[in-house]
Amino acid sequence: MIKEVDLGGVYVSPFLAYMAVTGMVWFLIRRALDRAGFYRLVWHPALFNTALYVILLSMVVVVTM
């Protein structure tokens, strides 16, 4: 796990970098599921998207440890 990220002399939490990476992966997965028509089977798409993001974020954090 990285300690801090240096962005132009400003140190930020590594969680911000994890969230950015997860956001990019989540966006690609969401578009693929949308094109496949998966959201017709989901009861509440916003809740599903939130849960998917949280699961992906936890996977990114565990992989980087």
PDB file of N, CA and C in Angstrom:
ATOM      1  N   MET A   1       0.853  -1.175   0.000  1.00  0.00           N
ATOM      2  CA  MET A   1       0.000   0.000   0.000  1.00  0.00           C
ATOM      3  C   MET A   1       0.899   1.238   0.000  1.00  0.00           C
ATOM      4  N   ILE A   2       0.595   2.179  -0.865  1.00  0.00           N
ATOM      5  CA  ILE A   2       1.401   3.381  -0.943  1.00  0.00           C
ATOM      6  C   ILE A   2       1.009   4.342   0.173  1.00  0.00           C
ATOM      7  N   LYS A   3       1.968   5.142   0.597  1.00  0.00           N
ATOM      8  CA  LYS A   3       1.727   6.060   1.716  1.00  0.00           C
ATOM      9  C   LYS A   3       0.959   7.305   1.271  1.00  0.00           C
ATOM     10  N   GLU A   4       1.514   8.069   0.364  1.00  0.00           N
ATOM     11  CA  GLU A   4       0.892   9.304  -0.112  1.00  0.00           C
ATOM     12  C   GLU A   4       1.225   9.497  -1.581  1.00  0.00           C
ATOM     13  N   VAL A   5       0.380  10.229  -2.266  1.00  0.00           N
ATOM     14  CA  VAL A   5       0.599  10.532  -3.674  1.00  0.00           C
ATOM     15  C   VAL A   5       0.940  12.013  -3.779  1.00  0.00           C
ATOM     16  N   ASP A   6       2.035  12.315  -4.490  1.00  0.00           N
ATOM     17  CA  ASP A   6       2.470  13.697  -4.651  1.00  0.00           C
ATOM     18  C   ASP A   6       1.926  14.242  -5.971  1.00  0.00           C
ATOM     19  N   LEU A   7       1.009  15.204  -5.881  1.00  0.00           N
ATOM     20  CA  LEU A   7       0.442  15.850  -7.067  1.00  0.00           C
ATOM     21  C   LEU A   7       0.870  17.315  -7.086  1.00  0.00           C
ATOM     22  N   GLY A   8       1.965  17.588  -7.757  1.00  0.00           N
ATOM     23  CA  GLY A   8       2.453  18.954  -7.864  1.00  0.00           C
ATOM     24  C   GLY A   8       2.850  19.554  -6.526  1.00  0.00           C
ATOM     25  N   GLY A   9       3.429  18.758  -5.659  1.00  0.00           N
ATOM     26  CA  GLY A   9       3.858  19.244  -4.356  1.00  0.00           C
ATOM     27  C   GLY A   9       2.791  19.138  -3.273  1.00  0.00           C
ATOM     28  N   VAL A  10       1.619  18.688  -3.626  1.00  0.00           N
ATOM     29  CA  VAL A  10       0.539  18.514  -2.655  1.00  0.00           C
ATOM     30  C   VAL A  10       0.356  17.018  -2.422  1.00  0.00           C
ATOM     31  N   TYR A  11       0.467  16.607  -1.178  1.00  0.00           N
ATOM     32  CA  TYR A  11       0.297  15.199  -0.848  1.00  0.00           C
ATOM     33  C   TYR A  11      -1.175  14.898  -0.587  1.00  0.00           C
ATOM     34  N   VAL A  12      -1.678  13.892  -1.279  1.00  0.00           N
ATOM     35  CA  VAL A  12      -3.071  13.486  -1.118  1.00  0.00           C
ATOM     36  C   VAL A  12      -3.112  12.009  -0.723  1.00  0.00           C
ATOM     37  N   SER A  13      -4.235  11.617  -0.198  1.00  0.00           N
ATOM     38  CA  SER A  13      -4.437  10.241   0.235  1.00  0.00           C
ATOM     39  C   SER A  13      -4.381   9.291  -0.954  1.00  0.00           C
ATOM     40  N   PRO A  14      -3.820   8.108  -0.774  1.00  0.00           N
ATOM     41  CA  PRO A  14      -3.818   7.147  -1.877  1.00  0.00           C
ATOM     42  C   PRO A  14      -5.223   6.663  -2.223  1.00  0.00           C
ATOM     43  N   PHE A  15      -6.156   6.851  -1.300  1.00  0.00           N
ATOM     44  CA  PHE A  15      -7.532   6.447  -1.562  1.00  0.00           C
ATOM     45  C   PHE A  15      -8.108   7.217  -2.750  1.00  0.00           C
ATOM     46  N   LEU A  16      -7.667   8.439  -2.949  1.00  0.00           N
ATOM     47  CA  LEU A  16      -8.107   9.226  -4.104  1.00  0.00           C
ATOM     48  C   LEU A  16      -7.650   8.574  -5.406  1.00  0.00           C
ATOM     49  N   ALA A  17      -6.427   8.064  -5.428  1.00  0.00           N
ATOM     50  CA  ALA A  17      -5.926   7.367  -6.617  1.00  0.00           C
ATOM     51  C   ALA A  17      -6.684   6.061  -6.832  1.00  0.00           C
ATOM     52  N   TYR A  18      -6.985   5.348  -5.753  1.00  0.00           N
ATOM     53  CA  TYR A  18      -7.771   4.115  -5.863  1.00  0.00           C
ATOM     54  C   TYR A  18      -9.144   4.407  -6.440  1.00  0.00           C
ATOM     55  N   MET A  19      -9.759   5.480  -5.984  1.00  0.00           N
ATOM     56  CA  MET A  19     -11.089   5.840  -6.460  1.00  0.00           C
ATOM     57  C   MET A  19     -11.055   6.219  -7.946  1.00  0.00           C
ATOM     58  N   ALA A  20     -10.002   6.890  -8.378  1.00  0.00           N
ATOM     59  CA  ALA A  20      -9.889   7.278  -9.784  1.00  0.00           C
ATOM     60  C   ALA A  20      -9.713   6.053 -10.682  1.00  0.00           C
ATOM     61  N   VAL A  21      -8.865   5.132 -10.273  1.00  0.00           N
ATOM     62  CA  VAL A  21      -8.665   3.900 -11.052  1.00  0.00           C
ATOM     63  C   VAL A  21      -9.960   3.097 -11.107  1.00  0.00           C
ATOM     64  N   THR A  22     -10.617   2.983  -9.958  1.00  0.00           N
ATOM     65  CA  THR A  22     -11.876   2.245  -9.897  1.00  0.00           C
ATOM     66  C   THR A  22     -12.933   2.909 -10.769  1.00  0.00           C
ATOM     67  N   GLY A  23     -12.966   4.229 -10.791  1.00  0.00           N
ATOM     68  CA  GLY A  23     -13.941   4.938 -11.609  1.00  0.00           C
ATOM     69  C   GLY A  23     -13.786   4.639 -13.086  1.00  0.00           C
ATOM     70  N   MET A  24     -12.545   4.545 -13.545  1.00  0.00           N
ATOM     71  CA  MET A  24     -12.316   4.235 -14.958  1.00  0.00           C
ATOM     72  C   MET A  24     -12.753   2.810 -15.287  1.00  0.00           C
ATOM     73  N   VAL A  25     -12.399   1.861 -14.429  1.00  0.00           N
ATOM     74  CA  VAL A  25     -12.793   0.467 -14.652  1.00  0.00           C
ATOM     75  C   VAL A  25     -14.311   0.327 -14.578  1.00  0.00           C
ATOM     76  N   TRP A  26     -14.919   0.986 -13.591  1.00  0.00           N
ATOM     77  CA  TRP A  26     -16.365   0.933 -13.402  1.00  0.00           C
ATOM     78  C   TRP A  26     -17.095   1.490 -14.618  1.00  0.00           C
ATOM     79  N   PHE A  27     -16.591   2.568 -15.174  1.00  0.00           N
ATOM     80  CA  PHE A  27     -17.212   3.172 -16.351  1.00  0.00           C
ATOM     81  C   PHE A  27     -17.199   2.208 -17.533  1.00  0.00           C
ATOM     82  N   LEU A  28     -16.072   1.533 -17.746  1.00  0.00           N
ATOM     83  CA  LEU A  28     -15.976   0.587 -18.858  1.00  0.00           C
ATOM     84  C   LEU A  28     -16.907  -0.603 -18.667  1.00  0.00           C
ATOM     85  N   ILE A  29     -16.975  -1.123 -17.439  1.00  0.00           N
ATOM     86  CA  ILE A  29     -17.860  -2.254 -17.162  1.00  0.00           C
ATOM     87  C   ILE A  29     -19.315  -1.836 -17.306  1.00  0.00           C
ATOM     88  N   ARG A  30     -19.645  -0.655 -16.826  1.00  0.00           N
ATOM     89  CA  ARG A  30     -21.014  -0.169 -16.910  1.00  0.00           C
ATOM     90  C   ARG A  30     -21.457  -0.013 -18.360  1.00  0.00           C
ATOM     91  N   ARG A  31     -20.579   0.507 -19.205  1.00  0.00           N
ATOM     92  CA  ARG A  31     -20.922   0.660 -20.632  1.00  0.00           C
ATOM     93  C   ARG A  31     -21.104  -0.688 -21.303  1.00  0.00           C
ATOM     94  N   ALA A  32     -20.257  -1.656 -20.946  1.00  0.00           N
ATOM     95  CA  ALA A  32     -20.378  -2.993 -21.527  1.00  0.00           C
ATOM     96  C   ALA A  32     -21.687  -3.652 -21.097  1.00  0.00           C
ATOM     97  N   LEU A  33     -22.060  -3.503 -19.830  1.00  0.00           N
ATOM     98  CA  LEU A  33     -23.316  -4.078 -19.350  1.00  0.00           C
ATOM     99  C   LEU A  33     -24.514  -3.392 -20.000  1.00  0.00           C
ATOM    100  N   ASP A  34     -24.405  -2.100 -20.227  1.00  0.00           N
ATOM    101  CA  ASP A  34     -25.492  -1.363 -20.862  1.00  0.00           C
ATOM    102  C   ASP A  34     -25.688  -1.816 -22.309  1.00  0.00           C
ATOM    103  N   ARG A  35     -24.594  -1.985 -23.030  1.00  0.00           N
ATOM    104  CA  ARG A  35     -24.688  -2.430 -24.426  1.00  0.00           C
ATOM    105  C   ARG A  35     -25.204  -3.859 -24.533  1.00  0.00           C
ATOM    106  N   ALA A  36     -24.907  -4.680 -23.519  1.00  0.00           N
ATOM    107  CA  ALA A  36     -25.370  -6.067 -23.534  1.00  0.00           C
ATOM    108  C   ALA A  36     -26.830  -6.191 -23.120  1.00  0.00           C
ATOM    109  N   GLY A  37     -27.417  -5.107 -22.645  1.00  0.00           N
ATOM    110  CA  GLY A  37     -28.806  -5.145 -22.227  1.00  0.00           C
ATOM    111  C   GLY A  37     -29.010  -5.730 -20.837  1.00  0.00           C
ATOM    112  N   PHE A  38     -27.982  -5.739 -20.042  1.00  0.00           N
ATOM    113  CA  PHE A  38     -28.050  -6.333 -18.702  1.00  0.00           C
ATOM    114  C   PHE A  38     -28.971  -5.560 -17.768  1.00  0.00           C
ATOM    115  N   TYR A  39     -29.087  -4.263 -17.959  1.00  0.00           N
ATOM    116  CA  TYR A  39     -29.864  -3.433 -17.039  1.00  0.00           C
ATOM    117  C   TYR A  39     -31.371  -3.675 -17.146  1.00  0.00           C
ATOM    118  N   ARG A  40     -31.810  -4.411 -18.165  1.00  0.00           N
ATOM    119  CA  ARG A  40     -33.219  -4.801 -18.226  1.00  0.00           C
ATOM    120  C   ARG A  40     -33.550  -5.811 -17.136  1.00  0.00           C
ATOM    121  N   LEU A  41     -32.546  -6.542 -16.666  1.00  0.00           N
ATOM    122  CA  LEU A  41     -32.739  -7.567 -15.647  1.00  0.00           C
ATOM    123  C   LEU A  41     -32.545  -7.035 -14.227  1.00  0.00           C
ATOM    124  N   VAL A  42     -32.077  -5.813 -14.098  1.00  0.00           N
ATOM    125  CA  VAL A  42     -31.766  -5.242 -12.777  1.00  0.00           C
ATOM    126  C   VAL A  42     -32.960  -4.442 -12.281  1.00  0.00           C
ATOM    127  N   TRP A  43     -33.308  -4.657 -11.018  1.00  0.00           N
ATOM    128  CA  TRP A  43     -34.463  -3.979 -10.439  1.00  0.00           C
ATOM    129  C   TRP A  43     -34.203  -2.488 -10.234  1.00  0.00           C
ATOM    130  N   HIS A  44     -33.033  -2.143  -9.688  1.00  0.00           N
ATOM    131  CA  HIS A  44     -32.712  -0.749  -9.371  1.00  0.00           C
ATOM    132  C   HIS A  44     -31.302  -0.448  -9.907  1.00  0.00           C
ATOM    133  N   PRO A  45     -31.179   0.087 -11.112  1.00  0.00           N
ATOM    134  CA  PRO A  45     -29.860   0.285 -11.731  1.00  0.00           C
ATOM    135  C   PRO A  45     -28.915   1.170 -10.920  1.00  0.00           C
ATOM    136  N   ALA A  46     -29.425   2.219 -10.278  1.00  0.00           N
ATOM    137  CA  ALA A  46     -28.539   3.104  -9.510  1.00  0.00           C
ATOM    138  C   ALA A  46     -27.948   2.364  -8.313  1.00  0.00           C
ATOM    139  N   LEU A  47     -28.741   1.564  -7.649  1.00  0.00           N
ATOM    140  CA  LEU A  47     -28.255   0.777  -6.525  1.00  0.00           C
ATOM    141  C   LEU A  47     -27.247  -0.269  -6.985  1.00  0.00           C
ATOM    142  N   PHE A  48     -27.528  -0.888  -8.120  1.00  0.00           N
ATOM    143  CA  PHE A  48     -26.604  -1.866  -8.685  1.00  0.00           C
ATOM    144  C   PHE A  48     -25.272  -1.209  -9.036  1.00  0.00           C
ATOM    145  N   ASN A  49     -25.313  -0.024  -9.656  1.00  0.00           N
ATOM    146  CA  ASN A  49     -24.082   0.678 -10.021  1.00  0.00           C
ATOM    147  C   ASN A  49     -23.264   1.057  -8.793  1.00  0.00           C
ATOM    148  N   THR A  50     -23.930   1.486  -7.740  1.00  0.00           N
ATOM    149  CA  THR A  50     -23.228   1.834  -6.506  1.00  0.00           C
ATOM    150  C   THR A  50     -22.564   0.609  -5.895  1.00  0.00           C
ATOM    151  N   ALA A  51     -23.306  -0.499  -5.840  1.00  0.00           N
ATOM    152  CA  ALA A  51     -22.740  -1.729  -5.289  1.00  0.00           C
ATOM    153  C   ALA A  51     -21.574  -2.223  -6.134  1.00  0.00           C
ATOM    154  N   LEU A  52     -21.692  -2.116  -7.452  1.00  0.00           N
ATOM    155  CA  LEU A  52     -20.602  -2.524  -8.337  1.00  0.00           C
ATOM    156  C   LEU A  52     -19.358  -1.680  -8.089  1.00  0.00           C
ATOM    157  N   TYR A  53     -19.535  -0.373  -7.914  1.00  0.00           N
ATOM    158  CA  TYR A  53     -18.398   0.509  -7.648  1.00  0.00           C
ATOM    159  C   TYR A  53     -17.721   0.153  -6.321  1.00  0.00           C
ATOM    160  N   VAL A  54     -18.497  -0.106  -5.294  1.00  0.00           N
ATOM    161  CA  VAL A  54     -17.928  -0.442  -3.988  1.00  0.00           C
ATOM    162  C   VAL A  54     -17.166  -1.768  -4.058  1.00  0.00           C
ATOM    163  N   ILE A  55     -17.715  -2.736  -4.763  1.00  0.00           N
ATOM    164  CA  ILE A  55     -17.029  -4.028  -4.913  1.00  0.00           C
ATOM    165  C   ILE A  55     -15.725  -3.854  -5.674  1.00  0.00           C
ATOM    166  N   LEU A  56     -15.747  -3.101  -6.764  1.00  0.00           N
ATOM    167  CA  LEU A  56     -14.536  -2.855  -7.530  1.00  0.00           C
ATOM    168  C   LEU A  56     -13.498  -2.081  -6.717  1.00  0.00           C
ATOM    169  N   LEU A  57     -13.947  -1.097  -5.936  1.00  0.00           N
ATOM    170  CA  LEU A  57     -13.031  -0.321  -5.100  1.00  0.00           C
ATOM    171  C   LEU A  57     -12.357  -1.218  -4.070  1.00  0.00           C
ATOM    172  N   SER A  58     -13.105  -2.099  -3.454  1.00  0.00           N
ATOM    173  CA  SER A  58     -12.498  -3.007  -2.485  1.00  0.00           C
ATOM    174  C   SER A  58     -11.508  -3.945  -3.144  1.00  0.00           C
ATOM    175  N   MET A  59     -11.803  -4.369  -4.371  1.00  0.00           N
ATOM    176  CA  MET A  59     -10.857  -5.226  -5.086  1.00  0.00           C
ATOM    177  C   MET A  59      -9.567  -4.484  -5.422  1.00  0.00           C
ATOM    178  N   VAL A  60      -9.672  -3.231  -5.821  1.00  0.00           N
ATOM    179  CA  VAL A  60      -8.474  -2.435  -6.130  1.00  0.00           C
ATOM    180  C   VAL A  60      -7.619  -2.245  -4.877  1.00  0.00           C
ATOM    181  N   VAL A  61      -8.245  -1.964  -3.755  1.00  0.00           N
ATOM    182  CA  VAL A  61      -7.499  -1.750  -2.508  1.00  0.00           C
ATOM    183  C   VAL A  61      -6.823  -3.036  -2.074  1.00  0.00           C
ATOM    184  N   VAL A  62      -7.497  -4.174  -2.170  1.00  0.00           N
ATOM    185  CA  VAL A  62      -6.912  -5.455  -1.754  1.00  0.00           C
ATOM    186  C   VAL A  62      -5.768  -5.850  -2.673  1.00  0.00           C
ATOM    187  N   VAL A  63      -5.908  -5.611  -3.973  1.00  0.00           N
ATOM    188  CA  VAL A  63      -4.854  -5.989  -4.916  1.00  0.00           C
ATOM    189  C   VAL A  63      -3.597  -5.164  -4.695  1.00  0.00           C
ATOM    190  N   THR A  64      -3.728  -3.910  -4.315  1.00  0.00           N
ATOM    191  CA  THR A  64      -2.545  -3.062  -4.140  1.00  0.00           C
ATOM    192  C   THR A  64      -1.860  -3.250  -2.800  1.00  0.00           C
ATOM    193  N   MET A  65      -2.441  -4.003  -1.912  1.00  0.00           N
ATOM    194  CA  MET A  65      -1.799  -4.230  -0.607  1.00  0.00           C
ATOM    195  C   MET A  65      -0.688  -5.222  -0.689  1.00  0.00           C
TER     196      MET A  65
END
